[in-house]
Amino acid sequence: MDVLQLILRYIHLLGFAALVGGWLAAVFAKKFTINFAMLLGVAVQLVTGIFLTGLAGSDADHMKIGIKAVLAVLLAVMVIIPWWKKRDPVNSGHFYAIGGLALVTVGVAVFM
């Protein structure tokens, strides 16, 4: 069980890297569009987060998981809906909020 949990945690971190890396690439290119790396990163984080929560069982900090779940769903909505509707640039405030929310989510994971 520990090996599976470590593999899922590793994949979860790769999802975070894809989300933030795609966001930073778009910021530096000054193109406020949701790119495929961001979409893939948020999807990987959602799926692996659900499995990690299931594996944690009763040992988990339920408040932390609840906060991270709400932030993850909000982040997924902010990324998936603009990607699905059209791939035009989004509002700069919306785009910066995606990066900020991703960083807040990882801050909750690390500091809570």
PDB file of N, CA and C in Angstrom:
ATOM      1  N   MET A   1       0.827  -1.202   0.000  1.00  0.00           N
ATOM      2  CA  MET A   1       0.000   0.000   0.000  1.00  0.00           C
ATOM      3  C   MET A   1       0.862   1.253   0.000  1.00  0.00           C
ATOM      4  N   ASP A   2       1.975   1.195   0.711  1.00  0.00           N
ATOM      5  CA  ASP A   2       2.842   2.372   0.759  1.00  0.00           C
ATOM      6  C   ASP A   2       3.435   2.700  -0.603  1.00  0.00           C
ATOM      7  N   VAL A   3       3.780   1.676  -1.375  1.00  0.00           N
ATOM      8  CA  VAL A   3       4.355   1.915  -2.693  1.00  0.00           C
ATOM      9  C   VAL A   3       3.328   2.583  -3.602  1.00  0.00           C
ATOM     10  N   LEU A   4       2.093   2.107  -3.565  1.00  0.00           N
ATOM     11  CA  LEU A   4       1.033   2.704  -4.378  1.00  0.00           C
ATOM     12  C   LEU A   4       0.803   4.161  -3.981  1.00  0.00           C
ATOM     13  N   GLN A   5       0.813   4.416  -2.686  1.00  0.00           N
ATOM     14  CA  GLN A   5       0.616   5.786  -2.201  1.00  0.00           C
ATOM     15  C   GLN A   5       1.757   6.698  -2.656  1.00  0.00           C
ATOM     16  N   LEU A   6       2.979   6.208  -2.613  1.00  0.00           N
ATOM     17  CA  LEU A   6       4.120   7.010  -3.057  1.00  0.00           C
ATOM     18  C   LEU A   6       4.063   7.278  -4.562  1.00  0.00           C
ATOM     19  N   ILE A   7       3.660   6.275  -5.336  1.00  0.00           N
ATOM     20  CA  ILE A   7       3.548   6.469  -6.784  1.00  0.00           C
ATOM     21  C   ILE A   7       2.468   7.500  -7.096  1.00  0.00           C
ATOM     22  N   LEU A   8       1.324   7.395  -6.416  1.00  0.00           N
ATOM     23  CA  LEU A   8       0.247   8.367  -6.635  1.00  0.00           C
ATOM     24  C   LEU A   8       0.664   9.774  -6.209  1.00  0.00           C
ATOM     25  N   ARG A   9       1.392   9.881  -5.110  1.00  0.00           N
ATOM     26  CA  ARG A   9       1.867  11.194  -4.668  1.00  0.00           C
ATOM     27  C   ARG A   9       2.833  11.789  -5.687  1.00  0.00           C
ATOM     28  N   TYR A  10       3.691  10.950  -6.258  1.00  0.00           N
ATOM     29  CA  TYR A  10       4.632  11.389  -7.278  1.00  0.00           C
ATOM     30  C   TYR A  10       3.887  11.909  -8.518  1.00  0.00           C
ATOM     31  N   ILE A  11       2.877  11.155  -8.967  1.00  0.00           N
ATOM     32  CA  ILE A  11       2.086  11.573 -10.121  1.00  0.00           C
ATOM     33  C   ILE A  11       1.309  12.848  -9.800  1.00  0.00           C
ATOM     34  N   HIS A  12       0.831  12.961  -8.559  1.00  0.00           N
ATOM     35  CA  HIS A  12       0.108  14.163  -8.123  1.00  0.00           C
ATOM     36  C   HIS A  12       1.022  15.393  -8.216  1.00  0.00           C
ATOM     37  N   LEU A  13       2.263  15.245  -7.793  1.00  0.00           N
ATOM     38  CA  LEU A  13       3.220  16.348  -7.882  1.00  0.00           C
ATOM     39  C   LEU A  13       3.568  16.676  -9.332  1.00  0.00           C
ATOM     40  N   LEU A  14       3.618  15.666 -10.185  1.00  0.00           N
ATOM     41  CA  LEU A  14       3.842  15.933 -11.606  1.00  0.00           C
ATOM     42  C   LEU A  14       2.674  16.721 -12.206  1.00  0.00           C
ATOM     43  N   GLY A  15       1.468  16.441 -11.747  1.00  0.00           N
ATOM     44  CA  GLY A  15       0.310  17.217 -12.182  1.00  0.00           C
ATOM     45  C   GLY A  15       0.422  18.666 -11.755  1.00  0.00           C
ATOM     46  N   PHE A  16       0.884  18.892 -10.526  1.00  0.00           N
ATOM     47  CA  PHE A  16       1.090  20.261 -10.066  1.00  0.00           C
ATOM     48  C   PHE A  16       2.150  20.962 -10.919  1.00  0.00           C
ATOM     49  N   ALA A  17       3.222  20.237 -11.224  1.00  0.00           N
ATOM     50  CA  ALA A  17       4.279  20.825 -12.049  1.00  0.00           C
ATOM     51  C   ALA A  17       3.762  21.184 -13.439  1.00  0.00           C
ATOM     52  N   ALA A  18       2.913  20.336 -13.999  1.00  0.00           N
ATOM     53  CA  ALA A  18       2.354  20.628 -15.321  1.00  0.00           C
ATOM     54  C   ALA A  18       1.434  21.843 -15.266  1.00  0.00           C
ATOM     55  N   LEU A  19       0.612  21.931 -14.224  1.00  0.00           N
ATOM     56  CA  LEU A  19      -0.308  23.063 -14.092  1.00  0.00           C
ATOM     57  C   LEU A  19       0.454  24.372 -13.939  1.00  0.00           C
ATOM     58  N   VAL A  20       1.361  24.420 -12.999  1.00  0.00           N
ATOM     59  CA  VAL A  20       2.099  25.666 -12.747  1.00  0.00           C
ATOM     60  C   VAL A  20       3.087  25.957 -13.876  1.00  0.00           C
ATOM     61  N   GLY A  21       3.714  24.921 -14.424  1.00  0.00           N
ATOM     62  CA  GLY A  21       4.627  25.124 -15.550  1.00  0.00           C
ATOM     63  C   GLY A  21       3.921  25.667 -16.780  1.00  0.00           C
ATOM     64  N   GLY A  22       2.753  25.112 -17.081  1.00  0.00           N
ATOM     65  CA  GLY A  22       1.965  25.624 -18.207  1.00  0.00           C
ATOM     66  C   GLY A  22       1.498  27.044 -17.963  1.00  0.00           C
ATOM     67  N   TRP A  23       1.138  27.328 -16.708  1.00  0.00           N
ATOM     68  CA  TRP A  23       0.703  28.685 -16.363  1.00  0.00           C
ATOM     69  C   TRP A  23       1.861  29.674 -16.510  1.00  0.00           C
ATOM     70  N   LEU A  24       3.029  29.307 -16.000  1.00  0.00           N
ATOM     71  CA  LEU A  24       4.197  30.190 -16.110  1.00  0.00           C
ATOM     72  C   LEU A  24       4.625  30.391 -17.559  1.00  0.00           C
ATOM     73  N   ALA A  25       4.556  29.338 -18.353  1.00  0.00           N
ATOM     74  CA  ALA A  25       4.904  29.468 -19.780  1.00  0.00           C
ATOM     75  C   ALA A  25       3.978  30.458 -20.471  1.00  0.00           C
ATOM     76  N   ALA A  26       2.695  30.398 -20.153  1.00  0.00           N
ATOM     77  CA  ALA A  26       1.745  31.334 -20.762  1.00  0.00           C
ATOM     78  C   ALA A  26       1.959  32.753 -20.251  1.00  0.00           C
ATOM     79  N   VAL A  27       2.293  32.904 -18.968  1.00  0.00           N
ATOM     80  CA  VAL A  27       2.543  34.241 -18.410  1.00  0.00           C
ATOM     81  C   VAL A  27       3.755  34.866 -19.081  1.00  0.00           C
ATOM     82  N   PHE A  28       4.836  34.092 -19.219  1.00  0.00           N
ATOM     83  CA  PHE A  28       6.042  34.642 -19.828  1.00  0.00           C
ATOM     84  C   PHE A  28       5.856  34.923 -21.319  1.00  0.00           C
ATOM     85  N   ALA A  29       4.965  34.198 -21.977  1.00  0.00           N
ATOM     86  CA  ALA A  29       4.668  34.456 -23.384  1.00  0.00           C
ATOM     87  C   ALA A  29       3.637  35.574 -23.549  1.00  0.00           C
ATOM     88  N   LYS A  30       3.096  36.051 -22.419  1.00  0.00           N
ATOM     89  CA  LYS A  30       2.076  37.097 -22.405  1.00  0.00           C
ATOM     90  C   LYS A  30       0.835  36.693 -23.208  1.00  0.00           C
ATOM     91  N   LYS A  31       0.492  35.405 -23.135  1.00  0.00           N
ATOM     92  CA  LYS A  31      -0.710  34.875 -23.764  1.00  0.00           C
ATOM     93  C   LYS A  31      -1.564  34.278 -22.660  1.00  0.00           C
ATOM     94  N   PHE A  32      -2.671  34.898 -22.351  1.00  0.00           N
ATOM     95  CA  PHE A  32      -3.525  34.444 -21.260  1.00  0.00           C
ATOM     96  C   PHE A  32      -4.532  33.416 -21.771  1.00  0.00           C
ATOM     97  N   THR A  33      -4.002  32.304 -22.277  1.00  0.00           N
ATOM     98  CA  THR A  33      -4.844  31.211 -22.748  1.00  0.00           C
ATOM     99  C   THR A  33      -4.566  29.969 -21.906  1.00  0.00           C
ATOM    100  N   ILE A  34      -5.604  29.174 -21.729  1.00  0.00           N
ATOM    101  CA  ILE A  34      -5.461  27.916 -21.019  1.00  0.00           C
ATOM    102  C   ILE A  34      -4.801  26.937 -21.983  1.00  0.00           C
ATOM    103  N   ASN A  35      -3.626  26.447 -21.633  1.00  0.00           N
ATOM    104  CA  ASN A  35      -2.934  25.518 -22.518  1.00  0.00           C
ATOM    105  C   ASN A  35      -3.144  24.074 -22.068  1.00  0.00           C
ATOM    106  N   PHE A  36      -2.697  23.140 -22.905  1.00  0.00           N
ATOM    107  CA  PHE A  36      -2.937  21.726 -22.631  1.00  0.00           C
ATOM    108  C   PHE A  36      -2.223  21.255 -21.371  1.00  0.00           C
ATOM    109  N   ALA A  37      -1.060  21.813 -21.068  1.00  0.00           N
ATOM    110  CA  ALA A  37      -0.342  21.419 -19.850  1.00  0.00           C
ATOM    111  C   ALA A  37      -1.153  21.763 -18.604  1.00  0.00           C
ATOM    112  N   MET A  38      -1.800  22.908 -18.617  1.00  0.00           N
ATOM    113  CA  MET A  38      -2.637  23.294 -17.480  1.00  0.00           C
ATOM    114  C   MET A  38      -3.832  22.360 -17.354  1.00  0.00           C
ATOM    115  N   LEU A  39      -4.468  22.054 -18.478  1.00  0.00           N
ATOM    116  CA  LEU A  39      -5.616  21.153 -18.467  1.00  0.00           C
ATOM    117  C   LEU A  39      -5.216  19.764 -17.974  1.00  0.00           C
ATOM    118  N   LEU A  40      -4.131  19.235 -18.492  1.00  0.00           N
ATOM    119  CA  LEU A  40      -3.653  17.926 -18.080  1.00  0.00           C
ATOM    120  C   LEU A  40      -3.256  17.929 -16.600  1.00  0.00           C
ATOM    121  N   GLY A  41      -2.586  18.984 -16.164  1.00  0.00           N
ATOM    122  CA  GLY A  41      -2.155  19.070 -14.773  1.00  0.00           C
ATOM    123  C   GLY A  41      -3.312  19.077 -13.802  1.00  0.00           C
ATOM    124  N   VAL A  42      -4.349  19.851 -14.093  1.00  0.00           N
ATOM    125  CA  VAL A  42      -5.487  19.920 -13.178  1.00  0.00           C
ATOM    126  C   VAL A  42      -6.252  18.600 -13.179  1.00  0.00           C
ATOM    127  N   ALA A  43      -6.351  17.935 -14.330  1.00  0.00           N
ATOM    128  CA  ALA A  43      -7.038  16.640 -14.392  1.00  0.00           C
ATOM    129  C   ALA A  43      -6.273  15.570 -13.612  1.00  0.00           C
ATOM    130  N   VAL A  44      -4.957  15.546 -13.772  1.00  0.00           N
ATOM    131  CA  VAL A  44      -4.132  14.575 -13.051  1.00  0.00           C
ATOM    132  C   VAL A  44      -4.221  14.820 -11.553  1.00  0.00           C
ATOM    133  N   GLN A  45      -4.195  16.064 -11.148  1.00  0.00           N
ATOM    134  CA  GLN A  45      -4.284  16.364  -9.719  1.00  0.00           C
ATOM    135  C   GLN A  45      -5.626  15.953  -9.130  1.00  0.00           C
ATOM    136  N   LEU A  46      -6.698  16.181  -9.852  1.00  0.00           N
ATOM    137  CA  LEU A  46      -8.021  15.773  -9.358  1.00  0.00           C
ATOM    138  C   LEU A  46      -8.114  14.266  -9.186  1.00  0.00           C
ATOM    139  N   VAL A  47      -7.718  13.526 -10.197  1.00  0.00           N
ATOM    140  CA  VAL A  47      -7.846  12.068 -10.153  1.00  0.00           C
ATOM    141  C   VAL A  47      -6.936  11.475  -9.076  1.00  0.00           C
ATOM    142  N   THR A  48      -5.678  11.874  -9.062  1.00  0.00           N
ATOM    143  CA  THR A  48      -4.771  11.307  -8.058  1.00  0.00           C
ATOM    144  C   THR A  48      -5.131  11.767  -6.653  1.00  0.00           C
ATOM    145  N   GLY A  49      -5.651  12.976  -6.520  1.00  0.00           N
ATOM    146  CA  GLY A  49      -6.085  13.452  -5.207  1.00  0.00           C
ATOM    147  C   GLY A  49      -7.226  12.629  -4.647  1.00  0.00           C
ATOM    148  N   ILE A  50      -8.150  12.243  -5.516  1.00  0.00           N
ATOM    149  CA  ILE A  50      -9.265  11.396  -5.080  1.00  0.00           C
ATOM    150  C   ILE A  50      -8.751  10.039  -4.623  1.00  0.00           C
ATOM    151  N   PHE A  51      -7.848   9.442  -5.392  1.00  0.00           N
ATOM    152  CA  PHE A  51      -7.300   8.147  -5.002  1.00  0.00           C
ATOM    153  C   PHE A  51      -6.456   8.239  -3.732  1.00  0.00           C
ATOM    154  N   LEU A  52      -5.674   9.291  -3.595  1.00  0.00           N
ATOM    155  CA  LEU A  52      -4.879   9.460  -2.377  1.00  0.00           C
ATOM    156  C   LEU A  52      -5.764   9.623  -1.152  1.00  0.00           C
ATOM    157  N   THR A  53      -6.869  10.330  -1.302  1.00  0.00           N
ATOM    158  CA  THR A  53      -7.802  10.489  -0.189  1.00  0.00           C
ATOM    159  C   THR A  53      -8.405   9.147   0.198  1.00  0.00           C
ATOM    160  N   GLY A  54      -8.745   8.348  -0.790  1.00  0.00           N
ATOM    161  CA  GLY A  54      -9.291   7.025  -0.509  1.00  0.00           C
ATOM    162  C   GLY A  54      -8.293   6.120   0.176  1.00  0.00           C
ATOM    163  N   LEU A  55      -7.031   6.213  -0.209  1.00  0.00           N
ATOM    164  CA  LEU A  55      -6.001   5.380   0.415  1.00  0.00           C
ATOM    165  C   LEU A  55      -5.660   5.836   1.830  1.00  0.00           C
ATOM    166  N   ALA A  56      -5.850   7.114   2.111  1.00  0.00           N
ATOM    167  CA  ALA A  56      -5.489   7.633   3.437  1.00  0.00           C
ATOM    168  C   ALA A  56      -6.395   7.077   4.524  1.00  0.00           C
ATOM    169  N   GLY A  57      -7.651   6.859   4.190  1.00  0.00           N
ATOM    170  CA  GLY A  57      -8.578   6.260   5.154  1.00  0.00           C
ATOM    171  C   GLY A  57      -8.813   7.148   6.358  1.00  0.00           C
ATOM    172  N   SER A  58      -8.840   6.549   7.523  1.00  0.00           N
ATOM    173  CA  SER A  58      -9.153   7.291   8.749  1.00  0.00           C
ATOM    174  C   SER A  58      -7.947   8.039   9.304  1.00  0.00           C
ATOM    175  N   ASP A  59      -6.765   7.814   8.739  1.00  0.00           N
ATOM    176  CA  ASP A  59      -5.570   8.502   9.221  1.00  0.00           C
ATOM    177  C   ASP A  59      -5.460   9.924   8.688  1.00  0.00           C
ATOM    178  N   ALA A  60      -6.332  10.288   7.777  1.00  0.00           N
ATOM    179  CA  ALA A  60      -6.223  11.571   7.084  1.00  0.00           C
ATOM    180  C   ALA A  60      -6.726  12.723   7.948  1.00  0.00           C
ATOM    181  N   ASP A  61      -6.218  13.902   7.661  1.00  0.00           N
ATOM    182  CA  ASP A  61      -6.702  15.132   8.270  1.00  0.00           C
ATOM    183  C   ASP A  61      -7.885  15.613   7.420  1.00  0.00           C
ATOM    184  N   HIS A  62      -9.090  15.389   7.920  1.00  0.00           N
ATOM    185  CA  HIS A  62     -10.285  15.621   7.121  1.00  0.00           C
ATOM    186  C   HIS A  62     -10.512  17.098   6.806  1.00  0.00           C
ATOM    187  N   MET A  63     -10.127  17.986   7.692  1.00  0.00           N
ATOM    188  CA  MET A  63     -10.280  19.411   7.415  1.00  0.00           C
ATOM    189  C   MET A  63      -9.379  19.816   6.245  1.00  0.00           C
ATOM    190  N   LYS A  64      -8.140  19.344   6.260  1.00  0.00           N
ATOM    191  CA  LYS A  64      -7.201  19.650   5.189  1.00  0.00           C
ATOM    192  C   LYS A  64      -7.709  19.085   3.861  1.00  0.00           C
ATOM    193  N   ILE A  65      -8.211  17.870   3.877  1.00  0.00           N
ATOM    194  CA  ILE A  65      -8.717  17.257   2.657  1.00  0.00           C
ATOM    195  C   ILE A  65      -9.939  18.008   2.143  1.00  0.00           C
ATOM    196  N   GLY A  66     -10.800  18.453   3.044  1.00  0.00           N
ATOM    197  CA  GLY A  66     -11.972  19.217   2.634  1.00  0.00           C
ATOM    198  C   GLY A  66     -11.608  20.539   1.987  1.00  0.00           C
ATOM    199  N   ILE A  67     -10.665  21.243   2.593  1.00  0.00           N
ATOM    200  CA  ILE A  67     -10.225  22.525   2.031  1.00  0.00           C
ATOM    201  C   ILE A  67      -9.571  22.311   0.674  1.00  0.00           C
ATOM    202  N   LYS A  68      -8.696  21.307   0.582  1.00  0.00           N
ATOM    203  CA  LYS A  68      -8.034  21.030  -0.694  1.00  0.00           C
ATOM    204  C   LYS A  68      -9.023  20.580  -1.756  1.00  0.00           C
ATOM    205  N   ALA A  69     -10.058  19.843  -1.365  1.00  0.00           N
ATOM    206  CA  ALA A  69     -11.067  19.393  -2.335  1.00  0.00           C
ATOM    207  C   ALA A  69     -11.835  20.576  -2.913  1.00  0.00           C
ATOM    208  N   VAL A  70     -12.228  21.500  -2.051  1.00  0.00           N
ATOM    209  CA  VAL A  70     -12.949  22.685  -2.531  1.00  0.00           C
ATOM    210  C   VAL A  70     -12.059  23.510  -3.460  1.00  0.00           C
ATOM    211  N   LEU A  71     -10.810  23.713  -3.074  1.00  0.00           N
ATOM    212  CA  LEU A  71      -9.892  24.477  -3.913  1.00  0.00           C
ATOM    213  C   LEU A  71      -9.621  23.761  -5.236  1.00  0.00           C
ATOM    214  N   ALA A  72      -9.494  22.437  -5.198  1.00  0.00           N
ATOM    215  CA  ALA A  72      -9.210  21.676  -6.414  1.00  0.00           C
ATOM    216  C   ALA A  72     -10.380  21.726  -7.386  1.00  0.00           C
ATOM    217  N   VAL A  73     -11.601  21.615  -6.869  1.00  0.00           N
ATOM    218  CA  VAL A  73     -12.774  21.692  -7.751  1.00  0.00           C
ATOM    219  C   VAL A  73     -12.897  23.089  -8.346  1.00  0.00           C
ATOM    220  N   LEU A  74     -12.677  24.111  -7.536  1.00  0.00           N
ATOM    221  CA  LEU A  74     -12.722  25.478  -8.040  1.00  0.00           C
ATOM    222  C   LEU A  74     -11.658  25.692  -9.116  1.00  0.00           C
ATOM    223  N   LEU A  75     -10.461  25.204  -8.883  1.00  0.00           N
ATOM    224  CA  LEU A  75      -9.382  25.328  -9.852  1.00  0.00           C
ATOM    225  C   LEU A  75      -9.715  24.574 -11.138  1.00  0.00           C
ATOM    226  N   ALA A  76     -10.277  23.393 -11.001  1.00  0.00           N
ATOM    227  CA  ALA A  76     -10.651  22.616 -12.183  1.00  0.00           C
ATOM    228  C   ALA A  76     -11.715  23.333 -13.008  1.00  0.00           C
ATOM    229  N   VAL A  77     -12.675  23.925 -12.341  1.00  0.00           N
ATOM    230  CA  VAL A  77     -13.719  24.674 -13.057  1.00  0.00           C
ATOM    231  C   VAL A  77     -13.109  25.874 -13.771  1.00  0.00           C
ATOM    232  N   MET A  78     -12.181  26.542 -13.117  1.00  0.00           N
ATOM    233  CA  MET A  78     -11.549  27.722 -13.719  1.00  0.00           C
ATOM    234  C   MET A  78     -10.695  27.372 -14.928  1.00  0.00           C
ATOM    235  N   VAL A  79     -10.210  26.138 -14.997  1.00  0.00           N
ATOM    236  CA  VAL A  79      -9.368  25.728 -16.123  1.00  0.00           C
ATOM    237  C   VAL A  79     -10.189  25.020 -17.202  1.00  0.00           C
ATOM    238  N   ILE A  80     -11.061  24.102 -16.800  1.00  0.00           N
ATOM    239  CA  ILE A  80     -11.740  23.245 -17.771  1.00  0.00           C
ATOM    240  C   ILE A  80     -12.802  24.005 -18.571  1.00  0.00           C
ATOM    241  N   ILE A  81     -13.598  24.841 -17.930  1.00  0.00           N
ATOM    242  CA  ILE A  81     -14.675  25.519 -18.657  1.00  0.00           C
ATOM    243  C   ILE A  81     -14.145  26.449 -19.751  1.00  0.00           C
ATOM    244  N   PRO A  82     -13.152  27.307 -19.492  1.00  0.00           N
ATOM    245  CA  PRO A  82     -12.634  28.120 -20.618  1.00  0.00           C
ATOM    246  C   PRO A  82     -11.996  27.272 -21.716  1.00  0.00           C
ATOM    247  N   TRP A  83     -11.362  26.147 -21.341  1.00  0.00           N
ATOM    248  CA  TRP A  83     -10.774  25.256 -22.349  1.00  0.00           C
ATOM    249  C   TRP A  83     -11.867  24.639 -23.210  1.00  0.00           C
ATOM    250  N   TRP A  84     -12.947  24.226 -22.570  1.00  0.00           N
ATOM    251  CA  TRP A  84     -14.027  23.542 -23.268  1.00  0.00           C
ATOM    252  C   TRP A  84     -14.790  24.484 -24.194  1.00  0.00           C
ATOM    253  N   LYS A  85     -15.081  25.674 -23.701  1.00  0.00           N
ATOM    254  CA  LYS A  85     -15.901  26.599 -24.482  1.00  0.00           C
ATOM    255  C   LYS A  85     -15.156  27.110 -25.719  1.00  0.00           C
ATOM    256  N   LYS A  86     -13.989  27.618 -25.503  1.00  0.00           N
ATOM    257  CA  LYS A  86     -13.189  28.139 -26.610  1.00  0.00           C
ATOM    258  C   LYS A  86     -11.771  28.329 -26.096  1.00  0.00           C
ATOM    259  N   ARG A  87     -10.857  28.358 -27.002  1.00  0.00           N
ATOM    260  CA  ARG A  87      -9.459  28.490 -26.584  1.00  0.00           C
ATOM    261  C   ARG A  87      -8.941  29.907 -26.810  1.00  0.00           C
ATOM    262  N   ASP A  88      -9.831  30.872 -26.677  1.00  0.00           N
ATOM    263  CA  ASP A  88      -9.434  32.270 -26.772  1.00  0.00           C
ATOM    264  C   ASP A  88      -8.790  32.693 -25.459  1.00  0.00           C
ATOM    265  N   PRO A  89      -8.053  33.780 -25.466  1.00  0.00           N
ATOM    266  CA  PRO A  89      -7.487  34.272 -24.195  1.00  0.00           C
ATOM    267  C   PRO A  89      -8.583  34.605 -23.190  1.00  0.00           C
ATOM    268  N   VAL A  90      -8.307  34.296 -21.931  1.00  0.00           N
ATOM    269  CA  VAL A  90      -9.244  34.628 -20.860  1.00  0.00           C
ATOM    270  C   VAL A  90      -8.832  35.961 -20.252  1.00  0.00           C
ATOM    271  N   ASN A  91      -9.672  36.499 -19.416  1.00  0.00           N
ATOM    272  CA  ASN A  91      -9.381  37.736 -18.709  1.00  0.00           C
ATOM    273  C   ASN A  91      -8.092  37.570 -17.888  1.00  0.00           C
ATOM    274  N   SER A  92      -7.278  38.597 -17.833  1.00  0.00           N
ATOM    275  CA  SER A  92      -5.998  38.480 -17.120  1.00  0.00           C
ATOM    276  C   SER A  92      -6.215  38.216 -15.628  1.00  0.00           C
ATOM    277  N   GLY A  93      -7.250  38.780 -15.034  1.00  0.00           N
ATOM    278  CA  GLY A  93      -7.534  38.511 -13.631  1.00  0.00           C
ATOM    279  C   GLY A  93      -7.884  37.055 -13.387  1.00  0.00           C
ATOM    280  N   HIS A  94      -8.661  36.492 -14.299  1.00  0.00           N
ATOM    281  CA  HIS A  94      -9.008  35.073 -14.216  1.00  0.00           C
ATOM    282  C   HIS A  94      -7.755  34.220 -14.335  1.00  0.00           C
ATOM    283  N   PHE A  95      -6.895  34.590 -15.262  1.00  0.00           N
ATOM    284  CA  PHE A  95      -5.689  33.807 -15.501  1.00  0.00           C
ATOM    285  C   PHE A  95      -4.741  33.866 -14.309  1.00  0.00           C
ATOM    286  N   TYR A  96      -4.544  35.049 -13.737  1.00  0.00           N
ATOM    287  CA  TYR A  96      -3.677  35.159 -12.568  1.00  0.00           C
ATOM    288  C   TYR A  96      -4.289  34.474 -11.349  1.00  0.00           C
ATOM    289  N   ALA A  97      -5.614  34.442 -11.283  1.00  0.00           N
ATOM    290  CA  ALA A  97      -6.284  33.751 -10.181  1.00  0.00           C
ATOM    291  C   ALA A  97      -6.033  32.247 -10.254  1.00  0.00           C
ATOM    292  N   ILE A  98      -5.918  31.694 -11.449  1.00  0.00           N
ATOM    293  CA  ILE A  98      -5.613  30.272 -11.598  1.00  0.00           C
ATOM    294  C   ILE A  98      -4.246  29.968 -10.976  1.00  0.00           C
ATOM    295  N   GLY A  99      -3.243  30.770 -11.323  1.00  0.00           N
ATOM    296  CA  GLY A  99      -1.912  30.557 -10.754  1.00  0.00           C
ATOM    297  C   GLY A  99      -1.887  30.767  -9.252  1.00  0.00           C
ATOM    298  N   GLY A 100      -2.563  31.805  -8.786  1.00  0.00           N
ATOM    299  CA  GLY A 100      -2.613  32.065  -7.356  1.00  0.00           C
ATOM    300  C   GLY A 100      -3.320  30.959  -6.596  1.00  0.00           C
ATOM    301  N   LEU A 101      -4.409  30.463  -7.141  1.00  0.00           N
ATOM    302  CA  LEU A 101      -5.149  29.395  -6.480  1.00  0.00           C
ATOM    303  C   LEU A 101      -4.344  28.095  -6.465  1.00  0.00           C
ATOM    304  N   ALA A 102      -3.597  27.827  -7.514  1.00  0.00           N
ATOM    305  CA  ALA A 102      -2.726  26.649  -7.524  1.00  0.00           C
ATOM    306  C   ALA A 102      -1.675  26.755  -6.425  1.00  0.00           C
ATOM    307  N   LEU A 103      -1.112  27.933  -6.249  1.00  0.00           N
ATOM    308  CA  LEU A 103      -0.100  28.122  -5.207  1.00  0.00           C
ATOM    309  C   LEU A 103      -0.711  28.074  -3.803  1.00  0.00           C
ATOM    310  N   VAL A 104      -1.922  28.581  -3.651  1.00  0.00           N
ATOM    311  CA  VAL A 104      -2.606  28.488  -2.356  1.00  0.00           C
ATOM    312  C   VAL A 104      -2.910  27.031  -2.025  1.00  0.00           C
ATOM    313  N   THR A 105      -3.319  26.264  -3.018  1.00  0.00           N
ATOM    314  CA  THR A 105      -3.629  24.861  -2.793  1.00  0.00           C
ATOM    315  C   THR A 105      -2.401  24.088  -2.320  1.00  0.00           C
ATOM    316  N   VAL A 106      -1.271  24.323  -2.948  1.00  0.00           N
ATOM    317  CA  VAL A 106      -0.063  23.623  -2.505  1.00  0.00           C
ATOM    318  C   VAL A 106       0.395  24.164  -1.141  1.00  0.00           C
ATOM    319  N   GLY A 107       0.114  25.417  -0.860  1.00  0.00           N
ATOM    320  CA  GLY A 107       0.423  25.953   0.465  1.00  0.00           C
ATOM    321  C   GLY A 107      -0.403  25.276   1.552  1.00  0.00           C
ATOM    322  N   VAL A 108      -1.668  25.005   1.267  1.00  0.00           N
ATOM    323  CA  VAL A 108      -2.499  24.274   2.226  1.00  0.00           C
ATOM    324  C   VAL A 108      -1.940  22.883   2.447  1.00  0.00           C
ATOM    325  N   ALA A 109      -1.488  22.239   1.361  1.00  0.00           N
ATOM    326  CA  ALA A 109      -0.936  20.895   1.493  1.00  0.00           C
ATOM    327  C   ALA A 109       0.335  20.880   2.326  1.00  0.00           C
ATOM    328  N   VAL A 110       1.161  21.874   2.172  1.00  0.00           N
ATOM    329  CA  VAL A 110       2.454  21.881   2.861  1.00  0.00           C
ATOM    330  C   VAL A 110       2.347  22.382   4.296  1.00  0.00           C
ATOM    331  N   PHE A 111       1.596  23.451   4.517  1.00  0.00           N
ATOM    332  CA  PHE A 111       1.628  24.122   5.816  1.00  0.00           C
ATOM    333  C   PHE A 111       0.503  23.725   6.762  1.00  0.00           C
ATOM    334  N   MET A 112      -0.483  22.967   6.314  1.00  0.00           N
ATOM    335  CA  MET A 112      -1.570  22.569   7.221  1.00  0.00           C
ATOM    336  C   MET A 112      -1.328  21.211   7.813  1.00  0.00           C
TER     337      MET A 112
END
